[in-house]
C-alpha atoms as a PDB file:
ATOM      1  CA  MET A   1      -5.337  16.516  14.442  1.00  0.00           C
ATOM      2  CA  TYR A   2      -5.930  13.331  14.797  1.00  0.00           C
ATOM      3  CA  ASP A   3      -4.504  10.537  17.872  1.00  0.00           C
ATOM      4  CA  ILE A   4      -4.055   7.852  15.432  1.00  0.00           C
ATOM      5  CA  ILE A   5      -4.893   7.075  11.573  1.00  0.00           C
ATOM      6  CA  ILE A   6      -5.614   3.713   9.987  1.00  0.00           C
ATOM      7  CA  VAL A   7      -4.704   3.083   6.468  1.00  0.00           C
ATOM      8  CA  GLY A   8      -7.220   0.389   5.257  1.00  0.00           C
ATOM      9  CA  ALA A   9     -10.693  -0.978   7.016  1.00  0.00           C
ATOM     10  CA  GLY A  10     -10.243  -4.759   6.792  1.00  0.00           C
ATOM     11  CA  PRO A  11     -10.741  -6.911  10.012  1.00  0.00           C
ATOM     12  CA  ALA A  12      -7.826  -6.014  11.141  1.00  0.00           C
ATOM     13  CA  GLY A  13      -7.622  -2.485  10.654  1.00  0.00           C
ATOM     14  CA  ILE A  14     -11.702  -1.888  11.631  1.00  0.00           C
ATOM     15  CA  SER A  15     -10.540  -3.861  14.701  1.00  0.00           C
ATOM     16  CA  ALA A  16      -7.374  -1.569  15.312  1.00  0.00           C
ATOM     17  CA  GLY A  17      -9.772   1.513  15.184  1.00  0.00           C
ATOM     18  CA  LEU A  18     -12.781  -0.120  17.629  1.00  0.00           C
ATOM     19  CA  TYR A  19      -9.856  -1.099  20.390  1.00  0.00           C
ATOM     20  CA  ALA A  20      -8.063   2.579  20.472  1.00  0.00           C
ATOM     21  CA  LYS A  21     -11.733   3.958  19.830  1.00  0.00           C
ATOM     22  CA  ARG A  22     -13.162   3.001  22.961  1.00  0.00           C
ATOM     23  CA  ALA A  23     -10.013   3.501  24.714  1.00  0.00           C
ATOM     24  CA  GLY A  24     -10.647   7.721  24.036  1.00  0.00           C
ATOM     25  CA  ALA A  25      -8.712   7.976  21.090  1.00  0.00           C
ATOM     26  CA  LYS A  26      -9.660  10.389  18.387  1.00  0.00           C
ATOM     27  CA  VAL A  27      -9.698   7.915  14.630  1.00  0.00           C
ATOM     28  CA  LEU A  28      -9.727   8.251  11.279  1.00  0.00           C
ATOM     29  CA  ILE A  29      -9.809   5.358   8.891  1.00  0.00           C
ATOM     30  CA  LEU A  30      -8.083   5.885   5.781  1.00  0.00           C
ATOM     31  CA  TYR A  31      -9.210   3.614   3.090  1.00  0.00           C
ATOM     32  CA  TYR A  32      -9.967   2.469  -0.310  1.00  0.00           C
ATOM     33  CA  GLY A  33     -10.886   0.102  -3.736  1.00  0.00           C
ATOM     34  CA  GLU A  34     -11.403  -3.387  -2.476  1.00  0.00           C
ATOM     35  CA  SER A  35     -10.714  -5.405   0.350  1.00  0.00           C
ATOM     36  CA  ASN A  36      -9.058  -9.508  -0.496  1.00  0.00           C
ATOM     37  CA  LEU A  37     -12.533  -9.232   1.749  1.00  0.00           C
ATOM     38  CA  ASN A  38     -15.232  -8.646  -0.251  1.00  0.00           C
ATOM     39  CA  LYS A  39     -13.599 -11.603  -2.848  1.00  0.00           C
ATOM     40  CA  ALA A  40     -15.084 -14.406   0.255  1.00  0.00           C
ATOM     41  CA  GLU A  41     -18.057 -15.675  -1.389  1.00  0.00           C
ATOM     42  CA  LYS A  42     -18.711 -17.316   1.897  1.00  0.00           C
ATOM     43  CA  ILE A  43     -16.310 -17.324   5.220  1.00  0.00           C
ATOM     44  CA  ASP A  44     -17.090 -20.675   7.455  1.00  0.00           C
ATOM     45  CA  ASN A  45     -14.238 -20.129   9.885  1.00  0.00           C
ATOM     46  CA  TYR A  46     -14.771 -17.534  11.813  1.00  0.00           C
ATOM     47  CA  TYR A  47     -16.509 -17.330  15.309  1.00  0.00           C
ATOM     48  CA  GLY A  48     -20.028 -17.159  15.364  1.00  0.00           C
ATOM     49  CA  PHE A  49     -21.691 -17.210  12.798  1.00  0.00           C
ATOM     50  CA  VAL A  50     -22.953 -21.076  12.688  1.00  0.00           C
ATOM     51  CA  ASP A  51     -24.218 -20.677   8.835  1.00  0.00           C
ATOM     52  CA  GLY A  52     -20.917 -18.713   7.788  1.00  0.00           C
ATOM     53  CA  ILE A  53     -20.577 -15.090   6.033  1.00  0.00           C
ATOM     54  CA  ASP A  54     -20.540 -13.892   3.329  1.00  0.00           C
ATOM     55  CA  GLY A  55     -17.176 -11.826   2.918  1.00  0.00           C
ATOM     56  CA  ASP A  56     -18.560  -8.345   1.421  1.00  0.00           C
ATOM     57  CA  GLU A  57     -21.005  -8.789   4.215  1.00  0.00           C
ATOM     58  CA  LEU A  58     -18.317  -9.346   7.017  1.00  0.00           C
ATOM     59  CA  TYR A  59     -16.216  -6.181   5.608  1.00  0.00           C
ATOM     60  CA  ASN A  60     -19.798  -4.012   4.820  1.00  0.00           C
ATOM     61  CA  ASN A  61     -20.920  -4.885   9.477  1.00  0.00           C
ATOM     62  CA  GLY A  62     -17.497  -4.209   9.904  1.00  0.00           C
ATOM     63  CA  ILE A  63     -17.032  -0.374   8.047  1.00  0.00           C
ATOM     64  CA  GLU A  64     -20.984   0.592  10.044  1.00  0.00           C
ATOM     65  CA  GLN A  65     -20.023  -0.690  12.675  1.00  0.00           C
ATOM     66  CA  ALA A  66     -16.844   2.351  13.214  1.00  0.00           C
ATOM     67  CA  LYS A  67     -18.944   4.719  12.357  1.00  0.00           C
ATOM     68  CA  ARG A  68     -21.872   3.417  14.588  1.00  0.00           C
ATOM     69  CA  ILE A  69     -19.009   4.518  17.499  1.00  0.00           C
ATOM     70  CA  GLY A  70     -18.045   7.504  16.182  1.00  0.00           C
ATOM     71  CA  ILE A  71     -14.893   7.095  13.746  1.00  0.00           C
ATOM     72  CA  ASP A  72     -14.475   8.948  11.493  1.00  0.00           C
ATOM     73  CA  LEU A  73     -14.106   6.789   7.791  1.00  0.00           C
ATOM     74  CA  LYS A  74     -13.348   8.499   4.341  1.00  0.00           C
ATOM     75  CA  ASN A  75     -12.500   6.576   1.514  1.00  0.00           C
ATOM     76  CA  GLU A  76      -9.913   8.224  -0.338  1.00  0.00           C
ATOM     77  CA  GLU A  77      -6.920   6.775  -1.224  1.00  0.00           C
ATOM     78  CA  VAL A  78      -3.370   6.532   0.285  1.00  0.00           C
ATOM     79  CA  LEU A  79      -0.536   7.537  -1.618  1.00  0.00           C
ATOM     80  CA  ASN A  80       2.373   8.650   1.113  1.00  0.00           C
ATOM     81  CA  ILE A  81       2.784   8.238   4.849  1.00  0.00           C
ATOM     82  CA  GLU A  82       5.818  11.234   6.398  1.00  0.00           C
ATOM     83  CA  LYS A  83       6.804  11.499  10.065  1.00  0.00           C
ATOM     84  CA  ASP A  84       8.440  14.764  11.458  1.00  0.00           C
ATOM     85  CA  SER A  85       7.364  16.112  15.011  1.00  0.00           C
ATOM     86  CA  ILE A  86       4.464  14.209  14.002  1.00  0.00           C
ATOM     87  CA  PHE A  87       3.425  11.776  11.127  1.00  0.00           C
ATOM     88  CA  THR A  88       1.365  12.625   7.732  1.00  0.00           C
ATOM     89  CA  VAL A  89      -1.067  11.399   5.736  1.00  0.00           C
ATOM     90  CA  LYS A  90      -0.756  12.318   1.956  1.00  0.00           C
ATOM     91  CA  THR A  91      -4.252  10.893   0.061  1.00  0.00           C
ATOM     92  CA  THR A  92      -5.795  12.080  -3.306  1.00  0.00           C
ATOM     93  CA  GLU A  93      -7.404  14.955  -2.072  1.00  0.00           C
ATOM     94  CA  ASN A  94      -6.067  15.658   1.756  1.00  0.00           C
ATOM     95  CA  GLU A  95      -4.389  15.413   4.297  1.00  0.00           C
ATOM     96  CA  TYR A  96      -3.569  14.342   7.823  1.00  0.00           C
ATOM     97  CA  ASN A  97      -1.976  14.890  10.733  1.00  0.00           C
ATOM     98  CA  SER A  98      -1.725  12.785  13.748  1.00  0.00           C
ATOM     99  CA  LYS A  99       0.170  11.380  16.034  1.00  0.00           C
ATOM    100  CA  SER A 100       0.506   7.416  15.386  1.00  0.00           C
ATOM    101  CA  VAL A 101      -0.701   5.500  11.980  1.00  0.00           C
ATOM    102  CA  ILE A 102      -2.131   1.616  11.216  1.00  0.00           C
ATOM    103  CA  ILE A 103      -0.889   0.381   8.975  1.00  0.00           C
ATOM    104  CA  SER A 104      -3.652  -2.842   7.882  1.00  0.00           C
ATOM    105  CA  THR A 105      -3.552  -2.334   4.104  1.00  0.00           C
ATOM    106  CA  GLY A 106      -2.932  -6.030   3.335  1.00  0.00           C
ATOM    107  CA  ASN A 107       0.094  -6.967   1.249  1.00  0.00           C
ATOM    108  CA  LYS A 108      -1.167  -5.756  -2.223  1.00  0.00           C
ATOM    109  CA  LYS A 109       2.266  -5.746  -4.223  1.00  0.00           C
ATOM    110  CA  LEU A 110       0.855  -6.079  -7.901  1.00  0.00           C
ATOM    111  CA  ARG A 111       3.419  -8.216 -10.269  1.00  0.00           C
ATOM    112  CA  PRO A 112       2.158  -7.160 -13.746  1.00  0.00           C
ATOM    113  CA  ASN A 113       2.307 -10.769 -16.679  1.00  0.00           C
ATOM    114  CA  ILE A 114       4.720  -9.996 -18.434  1.00  0.00           C
ATOM    115  CA  LYS A 115       7.970 -12.086 -19.378  1.00  0.00           C
ATOM    116  CA  GLY A 116      11.490 -10.796 -17.830  1.00  0.00           C
ATOM    117  CA  ILE A 117       9.382  -9.418 -15.002  1.00  0.00           C
ATOM    118  CA  ILE A 118      10.939 -12.036 -12.478  1.00  0.00           C
ATOM    119  CA  GLN A 119      13.821 -12.589 -14.344  1.00  0.00           C
ATOM    120  CA  PHE A 120      15.458  -9.369 -13.629  1.00  0.00           C
ATOM    121  CA  GLU A 121      14.099  -8.413  -9.975  1.00  0.00           C
ATOM    122  CA  GLY A 122      16.377  -6.877  -8.383  1.00  0.00           C
ATOM    123  CA  LYS A 123      18.207  -6.556 -11.506  1.00  0.00           C
ATOM    124  CA  GLY A 124      15.960  -3.037 -12.369  1.00  0.00           C
ATOM    125  CA  ILE A 125      13.315  -4.215 -11.654  1.00  0.00           C
ATOM    126  CA  SER A 126      12.654  -1.989  -8.252  1.00  0.00           C
ATOM    127  CA  TYR A 127       8.893  -1.674  -6.609  1.00  0.00           C
ATOM    128  CA  CYS A 128       9.876   1.093  -4.591  1.00  0.00           C
ATOM    129  CA  ALA A 129      10.753   4.736  -5.803  1.00  0.00           C
ATOM    130  CA  ILE A 130      11.878   6.442  -3.212  1.00  0.00           C
ATOM    131  CA  CYS A 131      13.766   3.287  -2.165  1.00  0.00           C
ATOM    132  CA  ASP A 132      15.457   2.493  -5.307  1.00  0.00           C
ATOM    133  CA  GLY A 133      14.865   6.217  -6.568  1.00  0.00           C
ATOM    134  CA  PHE A 134      18.763   7.104  -5.852  1.00  0.00           C
ATOM    135  CA  PHE A 135      20.684   4.228  -7.996  1.00  0.00           C
ATOM    136  CA  TYR A 136      19.563   5.637 -10.831  1.00  0.00           C
ATOM    137  CA  LYS A 137      20.592   9.141 -10.803  1.00  0.00           C
ATOM    138  CA  GLY A 138      21.150  10.221 -14.346  1.00  0.00           C
ATOM    139  CA  LYS A 139      19.161   7.444 -15.536  1.00  0.00           C
ATOM    140  CA  LYS A 140      16.584   6.200 -18.051  1.00  0.00           C
ATOM    141  CA  VAL A 141      13.567   4.266 -16.207  1.00  0.00           C
ATOM    142  CA  VAL A 142       9.202   3.572 -16.560  1.00  0.00           C
ATOM    143  CA  ILE A 143       6.967   3.159 -14.476  1.00  0.00           C
ATOM    144  CA  ILE A 144       4.002   0.352 -15.376  1.00  0.00           C
ATOM    145  CA  GLY A 145       1.025   1.624 -14.028  1.00  0.00           C
ATOM    146  CA  ASN A 146      -2.172   3.034 -13.973  1.00  0.00           C
ATOM    147  CA  GLY A 147      -3.528   5.254 -11.662  1.00  0.00           C
ATOM    148  CA  LYS A 148      -2.550   8.249  -9.055  1.00  0.00           C
ATOM    149  CA  PHE A 149       0.232   5.241  -6.846  1.00  0.00           C
ATOM    150  CA  ALA A 150       1.702   5.495 -10.597  1.00  0.00           C
ATOM    151  CA  GLU A 151       2.351   9.124 -11.062  1.00  0.00           C
ATOM    152  CA  SER A 152       3.215   9.047  -7.530  1.00  0.00           C
ATOM    153  CA  GLU A 153       5.642   7.395  -7.949  1.00  0.00           C
ATOM    154  CA  ALA A 154       7.071   9.031 -10.645  1.00  0.00           C
ATOM    155  CA  SER A 155       6.681  12.621  -8.729  1.00  0.00           C
ATOM    156  CA  ASP A 156       9.101  10.976  -6.513  1.00  0.00           C
ATOM    157  CA  LEU A 157      11.540   9.984  -9.232  1.00  0.00           C
ATOM    158  CA  LYS A 158      11.761  13.071 -11.773  1.00  0.00           C
ATOM    159  CA  ASN A 159      14.245  14.852  -9.762  1.00  0.00           C
ATOM    160  CA  LEU A 160      16.778  11.877  -9.846  1.00  0.00           C
ATOM    161  CA  VAL A 161      16.397  10.462 -13.205  1.00  0.00           C
ATOM    162  CA  GLU A 162      16.973  11.951 -16.646  1.00  0.00           C
ATOM    163  CA  ASP A 163      13.395  10.818 -18.237  1.00  0.00           C
ATOM    164  CA  VAL A 164      10.884   9.169 -16.709  1.00  0.00           C
ATOM    165  CA  LYS A 165       8.170   7.322 -18.623  1.00  0.00           C
ATOM    166  CA  ILE A 166       4.305   6.088 -17.698  1.00  0.00           C
ATOM    167  CA  LEU A 167       3.563   2.273 -19.440  1.00  0.00           C
ATOM    168  CA  THR A 168       0.382   1.269 -18.413  1.00  0.00           C
ATOM    169  CA  ASN A 169       0.737  -1.827 -20.689  1.00  0.00           C
ATOM    170  CA  GLY A 170      -2.617  -1.950 -23.077  1.00  0.00           C
ATOM    171  CA  GLU A 171      -4.724  -0.480 -21.056  1.00  0.00           C
ATOM    172  CA  ASP A 172      -6.340   3.532 -22.234  1.00  0.00           C
ATOM    173  CA  SER A 173      -4.446   6.214 -19.955  1.00  0.00           C
ATOM    174  CA  ASN A 174      -5.841   6.926 -16.548  1.00  0.00           C
ATOM    175  CA  ILE A 175      -2.669   9.293 -16.480  1.00  0.00           C
ATOM    176  CA  SER A 176      -3.795  12.435 -16.120  1.00  0.00           C
ATOM    177  CA  SER A 177      -0.079  14.500 -14.727  1.00  0.00           C
ATOM    178  CA  GLU A 178       2.533  16.451 -17.388  1.00  0.00           C
ATOM    179  CA  PHE A 179       4.408  12.771 -17.404  1.00  0.00           C
ATOM    180  CA  GLU A 180       4.821  11.054 -21.270  1.00  0.00           C
ATOM    181  CA  VAL A 181       2.679   8.062 -21.428  1.00  0.00           C
ATOM    182  CA  ASN A 182       2.978   5.201 -23.176  1.00  0.00           C
ATOM    183  CA  THR A 183      -0.041   2.426 -23.839  1.00  0.00           C
ATOM    184  CA  THR A 184       1.045   0.318 -26.415  1.00  0.00           C
ATOM    185  CA  LYS A 185       1.420  -2.835 -24.788  1.00  0.00           C
ATOM    186  CA  ILE A 186       4.322  -4.901 -23.620  1.00  0.00           C
ATOM    187  CA  LYS A 187       5.359  -7.815 -24.363  1.00  0.00           C
ATOM    188  CA  GLN A 188       8.538  -8.480 -22.752  1.00  0.00           C
ATOM    189  CA  ILE A 189      11.433  -6.548 -20.710  1.00  0.00           C
ATOM    190  CA  LEU A 190      14.937  -7.955 -22.344  1.00  0.00           C
ATOM    191  CA  GLY A 191      18.592  -7.565 -20.989  1.00  0.00           C
ATOM    192  CA  ASP A 192      22.271  -8.911 -20.104  1.00  0.00           C
ATOM    193  CA  ASP A 193      22.616  -8.736 -16.524  1.00  0.00           C
ATOM    194  CA  ARG A 194      20.919  -5.646 -16.079  1.00  0.00           C
ATOM    195  CA  VAL A 195      17.375  -5.367 -17.850  1.00  0.00           C
ATOM    196  CA  ASN A 196      17.954  -2.214 -20.500  1.00  0.00           C
ATOM    197  CA  LYS A 197      15.304  -2.435 -22.848  1.00  0.00           C
ATOM    198  CA  ILE A 198      11.804  -2.730 -23.185  1.00  0.00           C
ATOM    199  CA  GLU A 199       9.901  -4.730 -26.277  1.00  0.00           C
ATOM    200  CA  PHE A 200       5.942  -3.443 -27.473  1.00  0.00           C
ATOM    201  CA  GLU A 201       3.446  -6.025 -28.812  1.00  0.00           C
ATOM    202  CA  ASP A 202       3.881  -3.249 -31.886  1.00  0.00           C
ATOM    203  CA  GLY A 203       7.097  -5.376 -32.559  1.00  0.00           C
ATOM    204  CA  THR A 204       9.137  -1.547 -31.219  1.00  0.00           C
ATOM    205  CA  MET A 205      12.167  -0.977 -28.408  1.00  0.00           C
ATOM    206  CA  ILE A 206      12.475   1.565 -25.965  1.00  0.00           C
ATOM    207  CA  ASP A 207      15.889   2.140 -24.746  1.00  0.00           C
ATOM    208  CA  VAL A 208      15.419   2.079 -20.060  1.00  0.00           C
ATOM    209  CA  ASP A 209      17.116   1.502 -17.019  1.00  0.00           C
ATOM    210  CA  GLY A 210      15.093   1.146 -14.557  1.00  0.00           C
ATOM    211  CA  VAL A 211      11.425  -0.217 -14.364  1.00  0.00           C
ATOM    212  CA  PHE A 212       9.222   1.047 -11.020  1.00  0.00           C
ATOM    213  CA  ILE A 213       6.399  -1.233 -10.487  1.00  0.00           C
ATOM    214  CA  ALA A 214       3.173   0.813  -9.919  1.00  0.00           C
ATOM    215  CA  LEU A 215       0.129  -1.202 -10.181  1.00  0.00           C
ATOM    216  CA  GLY A 216      -3.301  -0.719  -8.183  1.00  0.00           C
ATOM    217  CA  GLU A 217      -3.401   1.936  -5.170  1.00  0.00           C
ATOM    218  CA  ALA A 218       0.360   1.504  -2.643  1.00  0.00           C
ATOM    219  CA  GLY A 219      -0.341  -0.925  -0.173  1.00  0.00           C
ATOM    220  CA  GLY A 220       1.594  -1.332   2.882  1.00  0.00           C
ATOM    221  CA  VAL A 221       4.268  -2.488   2.937  1.00  0.00           C
ATOM    222  CA  ASP A 222       5.210   0.715   0.366  1.00  0.00           C
ATOM    223  CA  PHE A 223       4.108   2.974   2.413  1.00  0.00           C
ATOM    224  CA  ALA A 224       6.773   1.495   4.830  1.00  0.00           C
ATOM    225  CA  LYS A 225       9.465   1.122   2.655  1.00  0.00           C
ATOM    226  CA  LYS A 226       8.667   4.701   2.073  1.00  0.00           C
ATOM    227  CA  ILE A 227       9.238   5.717   5.336  1.00  0.00           C
ATOM    228  CA  GLY A 228      11.838   3.671   6.675  1.00  0.00           C
ATOM    229  CA  VAL A 229      10.403   0.719   8.019  1.00  0.00           C
ATOM    230  CA  ILE A 230      12.094  -2.619   8.410  1.00  0.00           C
ATOM    231  CA  THR A 231      10.699  -5.546   5.833  1.00  0.00           C
ATOM    232  CA  GLU A 232      10.823  -9.007   5.787  1.00  0.00           C
ATOM    233  CA  LYS A 233      10.006 -11.179   2.530  1.00  0.00           C
ATOM    234  CA  ASP A 234       7.409  -8.067   1.639  1.00  0.00           C
ATOM    235  CA  ASN A 235       5.928  -8.626   4.733  1.00  0.00           C
ATOM    236  CA  ILE A 236       6.212  -5.088   7.177  1.00  0.00           C
ATOM    237  CA  VAL A 237       8.274  -6.356  10.709  1.00  0.00           C
ATOM    238  CA  VAL A 238       6.467  -5.505  13.845  1.00  0.00           C
ATOM    239  CA  ASN A 239       7.244  -6.739  18.122  1.00  0.00           C
ATOM    240  CA  GLU A 240       4.439  -8.231  19.801  1.00  0.00           C
ATOM    241  CA  LYS A 241       2.946  -5.252  19.797  1.00  0.00           C
ATOM    242  CA  MET A 242       2.117  -4.002  16.393  1.00  0.00           C
ATOM    243  CA  GLN A 243       4.945  -1.723  16.668  1.00  0.00           C
ATOM    244  CA  THR A 244       7.730  -1.064  13.775  1.00  0.00           C
ATOM    245  CA  ASN A 245      11.016   0.025  13.452  1.00  0.00           C
ATOM    246  CA  VAL A 246       9.728   4.007  13.720  1.00  0.00           C
ATOM    247  CA  GLU A 247       8.341   4.844  16.373  1.00  0.00           C
ATOM    248  CA  GLY A 248       4.873   5.468  16.261  1.00  0.00           C
ATOM    249  CA  LEU A 249       4.481   3.950  13.641  1.00  0.00           C
ATOM    250  CA  TYR A 250       2.338   0.253  14.103  1.00  0.00           C
ATOM    251  CA  SER A 251       1.141  -1.959  11.901  1.00  0.00           C
ATOM    252  CA  CYS A 252      -1.948  -5.462  11.803  1.00  0.00           C
ATOM    253  CA  GLY A 253      -3.012  -8.184   9.857  1.00  0.00           C
ATOM    254  CA  ASN A 254      -1.880  -9.719   6.220  1.00  0.00           C
ATOM    255  CA  ALA A 255       0.827  -6.752   5.952  1.00  0.00           C
ATOM    256  CA  THR A 256       2.514  -8.372   9.012  1.00  0.00           C
ATOM    257  CA  GLY A 257       2.942 -11.846   6.781  1.00  0.00           C
ATOM    258  CA  GLY A 258       1.484 -14.915   8.943  1.00  0.00           C
ATOM    259  CA  MET A 259      -1.674 -16.600   8.946  1.00  0.00           C
ATOM    260  CA  LEU A 260      -3.418 -15.105   6.775  1.00  0.00           C
ATOM    261  CA  GLN A 261      -7.308 -15.306   8.944  1.00  0.00           C
ATOM    262  CA  ILE A 262      -9.135 -13.284   9.634  1.00  0.00           C
ATOM    263  CA  CYS A 263      -8.921 -14.170  13.242  1.00  0.00           C
ATOM    264  CA  LYS A 264      -5.213 -13.188  13.105  1.00  0.00           C
ATOM    265  CA  ALA A 265      -6.208  -9.558  11.921  1.00  0.00           C
ATOM    266  CA  VAL A 266      -8.881  -9.216  13.985  1.00  0.00           C
ATOM    267  CA  TYR A 267      -6.158 -10.523  17.436  1.00  0.00           C
ATOM    268  CA  GLU A 268      -3.056  -7.673  15.204  1.00  0.00           C
ATOM    269  CA  GLY A 269      -5.824  -4.915  15.613  1.00  0.00           C
ATOM    270  CA  ALA A 270      -7.213  -5.196  18.666  1.00  0.00           C
ATOM    271  CA  ILE A 271      -3.217  -5.196  20.904  1.00  0.00           C
ATOM    272  CA  ALA A 272      -2.913  -2.196  17.134  1.00  0.00           C
ATOM    273  CA  GLY A 273      -4.888  -0.357  18.398  1.00  0.00           C
ATOM    274  CA  LEU A 274      -4.855  -0.442  22.671  1.00  0.00           C
ATOM    275  CA  ASP A 275      -1.001   0.544  21.870  1.00  0.00           C
ATOM    276  CA  ALA A 276      -1.391   3.352  19.271  1.00  0.00           C
ATOM    277  CA  ALA A 277      -4.123   4.723  21.350  1.00  0.00           C
ATOM    278  CA  ARG A 278      -1.838   4.619  24.418  1.00  0.00           C
ATOM    279  CA  TYR A 279       1.057   6.674  22.527  1.00  0.00           C
ATOM    280  CA  SER A 280      -0.622   9.299  21.845  1.00  0.00           C
ATOM    281  CA  ASN A 281      -1.786   9.800  24.905  1.00  0.00           C
ATOM    282  CA  LYS A 282       1.576   9.928  26.795  1.00  0.00           C
END
């Protein structure tokens, strides 16, 4: 049992971990895939680096700093966060329990470049199976994605809908579960007032009532919506202590919107880490 589980190892997550650990909390940081920071060629506007610093170097320095003070770090993809009396964080490999959770994954909502996606958002296009699955009870839906996140969304839907398929949009399948997979490239999504068909590049079509987008791995807003956290314009809503409306659940960094800068992420991470440590020691 951990005091705090932090999802994400960017500036916000590492900052939260450093402050929480120094406040006496037992901390686990889970991270997976590439951070936006890894893609930054040079960062020239962060305090203390006279000649700037490579984003990938700064990211890895943060991870090494967290390891040095005894924080547990595991490179595992998080699929879901649940809360009963405590939090359960499910990854592709394990389940972990904690008294509190900090979401610091940034906002990884990805939209595929498919004709009709923007047109039908909110009219048959959804980004959260748990949030919107009920509206498709007994209907036919598809998941656009090609990984554990897509499989997890399909699992959330399978007992609600009549039929669920996973569409990889032209990629070789990475799906290892029981779901039917179609690897044909998608040409467009069609409908009248709402989605009703998907047309593929080879000219074939299928009838659908709903389309769920699950590209890459789940991001902060995906986790937040599943557990009942209030979001606004694809950002997690927090108060001045980085607390969400779910007791014991915090968020910081890009997931909360605002100025998407390292200095803001580090500041919010420090606040979240300290308050989560206080909460866990109640």
